[in-house]
Amino acid sequence: MSASLPSYAAVAEQIVALSLSVDPSELHGSLCALRCGHPARANWLAEAMGDDAVPLPAADSALDRLDVVTVAQLGEADFGLQLLLPDEEAPVSERGEALVAWCRGFLGGVGLAGIEPKLGDEAREALGDVARIAESDVSYDDPEADEEALVELEEFVRVAALLIHGDCLAVQHDRRRLH
């Protein structure tokens, strides 16, 4: 398995330093979708923020490492994609909200990258499920059950992102074969 993502706190700190108005998890979701559709984007951060004036992240910064590690994890054969979420010690409500934000970012990135038309039926269904999670208004009544549900949702979202990435790779591969 490749290197781990930078910490949630390190990414949050750099977002604040750059005066960006985005949640770290939402930004990572968007990055994942952008890299599914276009693995070689020059300035993913400007594209994710919808602002060409946003500079490319500095080399070896938390945002640069977020991109480098995400690209590597998407390409790994062991399906080692990590989602950028608060640490496990954070309250389940905070982590749950971050997962919802990650899903919102992923959906936005899918739209920005224009990858939905490339998806097969199974990936479209998974994307629909991610959309339902993104629209969720989560309540936290039973911490133990909520913790288990969150772990299952995280795994589902992770696998959905990898499935969508796989469909995008297949389309790119087929396109190269035709030329």
Protein backbone atom coordinates (compact mmCIF):
# COMPACT_ATOMS: atom_id res chain seq x y z
CA MET A 1 0.00 0.00 0.00
CA SER A 2 1.27 3.49 -0.81
CA ALA A 3 1.69 6.36 1.61
CA SER A 4 -1.20 7.57 3.73
CA LEU A 5 -3.13 10.73 3.08
CA PRO A 6 -2.03 13.82 4.96
CA SER A 7 -4.01 14.39 8.14
CA TYR A 8 -7.43 15.99 8.06
CA ALA A 9 -6.05 18.75 10.30
CA ALA A 10 -3.09 19.46 7.97
CA VAL A 11 -5.41 19.76 4.96
CA ALA A 12 -7.81 21.95 6.96
CA GLU A 13 -4.92 24.20 8.00
CA GLN A 14 -3.81 24.69 4.41
CA ILE A 15 -7.38 25.35 3.26
CA VAL A 16 -7.63 28.12 5.86
CA ALA A 17 -4.21 29.51 4.88
CA LEU A 18 -5.34 29.73 1.24
CA SER A 19 -8.71 31.26 2.25
CA LEU A 20 -10.64 28.53 0.47
CA SER A 21 -14.25 27.98 1.44
CA VAL A 22 -14.45 24.21 1.45
CA ASP A 23 -14.44 21.37 3.95
CA PRO A 24 -11.37 19.06 3.76
CA SER A 25 -13.53 15.99 3.21
CA GLU A 26 -15.60 17.71 0.53
CA LEU A 27 -12.42 18.81 -1.25
CA HIS A 28 -11.05 15.26 -1.17
CA GLY A 29 -14.30 13.87 -2.56
CA SER A 30 -14.09 16.34 -5.42
CA LEU A 31 -10.43 15.50 -6.01
CA CYS A 32 -11.23 11.77 -6.18
CA ALA A 33 -13.91 12.31 -8.81
CA LEU A 34 -11.76 14.70 -10.82
CA ARG A 35 -8.93 12.16 -10.84
CA CYS A 36 -11.34 9.40 -11.88
CA GLY A 37 -12.31 11.39 -14.95
CA HIS A 38 -9.05 13.10 -15.75
CA PRO A 39 -6.03 11.63 -14.00
CA ALA A 40 -3.57 14.18 -15.40
CA ARG A 41 -5.31 17.49 -14.60
CA ALA A 42 -2.77 20.28 -14.27
CA ASN A 43 -4.41 22.28 -11.45
CA TRP A 44 -7.01 20.11 -9.80
CA LEU A 45 -7.45 22.60 -6.95
CA ALA A 46 -8.49 25.44 -9.26
CA GLU A 47 -10.89 23.09 -11.02
CA ALA A 48 -12.33 21.76 -7.75
CA MET A 49 -12.84 25.30 -6.47
CA GLY A 50 -14.27 26.52 -9.79
CA ASP A 51 -11.75 29.37 -9.79
CA ASP A 52 -8.85 29.54 -12.24
CA ALA A 53 -7.14 32.08 -9.94
CA VAL A 54 -6.56 29.42 -7.24
CA PRO A 55 -2.86 28.53 -7.45
CA LEU A 56 -1.51 25.03 -7.84
CA PRO A 57 -0.70 23.61 -4.40
CA ALA A 58 2.94 24.06 -3.42
CA ALA A 59 5.14 21.01 -3.87
CA ASP A 60 5.07 18.70 -0.86
CA SER A 61 2.33 20.73 0.84
CA ALA A 62 -0.59 18.93 2.46
CA LEU A 63 -2.76 19.60 -0.60
CA ASP A 64 -0.05 18.42 -2.98
CA ARG A 65 0.41 15.22 -0.94
CA LEU A 66 -3.39 14.78 -0.88
CA ASP A 67 -3.36 14.74 -4.68
CA VAL A 68 -0.25 12.58 -5.10
CA VAL A 69 -1.40 9.96 -2.60
CA THR A 70 -4.97 9.93 -3.94
CA VAL A 71 -3.78 9.33 -7.51
CA ALA A 72 -1.50 6.54 -6.27
CA GLN A 73 -4.27 4.93 -4.21
CA LEU A 74 -6.74 5.05 -7.10
CA GLY A 75 -4.21 3.19 -9.23
CA GLU A 76 -3.36 0.48 -6.71
CA ALA A 77 -4.39 -3.09 -7.37
CA ASP A 78 -5.23 -3.65 -3.68
CA PHE A 79 -8.08 -1.08 -3.70
CA GLY A 80 -6.40 0.90 -0.92
CA LEU A 81 -8.26 4.18 -1.42
CA GLN A 82 -8.63 6.12 1.82
CA LEU A 83 -11.27 8.79 2.40
CA LEU A 84 -10.07 11.99 4.06
CA LEU A 85 -12.20 12.12 7.20
CA PRO A 86 -11.56 13.29 10.77
CA ASP A 87 -9.63 10.88 12.98
CA GLU A 88 -11.43 7.92 14.55
CA GLU A 89 -11.22 9.69 17.93
CA ALA A 90 -13.52 12.47 16.64
CA PRO A 91 -17.19 12.13 17.60
CA VAL A 92 -19.23 9.92 15.30
CA SER A 93 -21.43 12.92 14.45
CA GLU A 94 -18.41 14.89 13.18
CA ARG A 95 -17.16 11.95 11.13
CA GLY A 96 -20.65 11.30 9.78
CA GLU A 97 -21.02 14.91 8.64
CA ALA A 98 -17.59 14.72 7.02
CA LEU A 99 -18.64 11.59 5.11
CA VAL A 100 -21.74 13.42 3.85
CA ALA A 101 -19.47 16.33 2.81
CA TRP A 102 -17.09 13.90 1.05
CA CYS A 103 -20.04 12.53 -0.93
CA ARG A 104 -21.19 16.07 -1.86
CA GLY A 105 -17.68 16.85 -3.08
CA PHE A 106 -17.51 13.62 -5.05
CA LEU A 107 -20.79 14.41 -6.79
CA GLY A 108 -19.58 17.89 -7.64
CA GLY A 109 -16.35 16.45 -9.01
CA VAL A 110 -18.29 13.95 -11.12
CA GLY A 111 -20.16 16.88 -12.64
CA LEU A 112 -16.99 18.93 -13.19
CA ALA A 113 -15.20 15.99 -14.80
CA GLY A 114 -18.22 15.04 -16.92
CA ILE A 115 -17.82 11.35 -16.15
CA GLU A 116 -21.41 10.29 -15.52
CA PRO A 117 -22.08 9.45 -19.22
CA LYS A 118 -19.06 7.10 -19.13
CA LEU A 119 -20.47 4.95 -16.33
CA GLY A 120 -21.99 1.52 -16.67
CA ASP A 121 -25.20 0.51 -14.90
CA GLU A 122 -23.57 -0.71 -11.69
CA ALA A 123 -21.44 2.43 -11.34
CA ARG A 124 -24.47 4.65 -12.05
CA GLU A 125 -26.37 2.85 -9.32
CA ALA A 126 -23.44 3.33 -6.92
CA LEU A 127 -23.31 7.02 -7.86
CA GLY A 128 -27.03 7.29 -7.10
CA ASP A 129 -26.40 5.76 -3.68
CA VAL A 130 -23.58 8.25 -3.05
CA ALA A 131 -26.02 11.03 -4.00
CA ARG A 132 -28.52 9.75 -1.42
CA ILE A 133 -25.81 9.79 1.23
CA ALA A 134 -24.85 13.34 0.19
CA GLU A 135 -28.45 14.44 0.69
CA SER A 136 -28.72 12.77 4.08
CA ASP A 137 -29.63 14.59 7.24
CA VAL A 138 -28.08 12.25 9.75
CA SER A 139 -29.19 11.95 13.37
CA TYR A 140 -27.11 10.31 16.06
CA ASP A 141 -29.17 8.56 18.72
CA ASP A 142 -27.24 5.38 19.49
CA PRO A 143 -23.45 5.95 19.42
CA GLU A 144 -22.54 2.27 19.18
CA ALA A 145 -24.97 1.49 16.36
CA ASP A 146 -24.10 4.80 14.69
CA GLU A 147 -20.40 3.90 14.78
CA GLU A 148 -21.08 0.55 13.07
CA ALA A 149 -23.31 2.18 10.46
CA LEU A 150 -20.69 4.83 9.75
CA VAL A 151 -17.98 2.22 9.21
CA GLU A 152 -20.25 0.38 6.76
CA LEU A 153 -21.13 3.60 4.92
CA GLU A 154 -17.46 4.59 4.66
CA GLU A 155 -16.63 1.22 3.13
CA PHE A 156 -19.55 1.46 0.72
CA VAL A 157 -18.53 4.95 -0.43
CA ARG A 158 -14.90 3.88 -0.82
CA VAL A 159 -15.89 0.90 -2.97
CA ALA A 160 -18.34 3.04 -4.99
CA ALA A 161 -15.55 5.52 -5.78
CA LEU A 162 -13.27 2.67 -6.87
CA LEU A 163 -16.03 1.18 -9.04
CA ILE A 164 -16.57 4.54 -10.73
CA HIS A 165 -12.82 4.92 -11.20
CA GLY A 166 -12.72 1.46 -12.80
CA ASP A 167 -15.45 2.39 -15.28
CA CYS A 168 -13.57 5.57 -16.21
CA LEU A 169 -10.36 3.60 -16.74
CA ALA A 170 -12.18 1.12 -18.96
CA VAL A 171 -13.53 3.94 -21.13
CA GLN A 172 -10.05 5.52 -21.40
CA HIS A 173 -8.56 2.13 -22.30
CA ASP A 174 -11.21 1.47 -24.96
CA ARG A 175 -10.70 4.95 -26.43
CA ARG A 176 -6.92 4.36 -26.72
CA ARG A 177 -7.52 1.00 -28.42
CA LEU A 178 -9.70 2.66 -31.05
CA HIS A 179 -6.99 5.17 -32.01
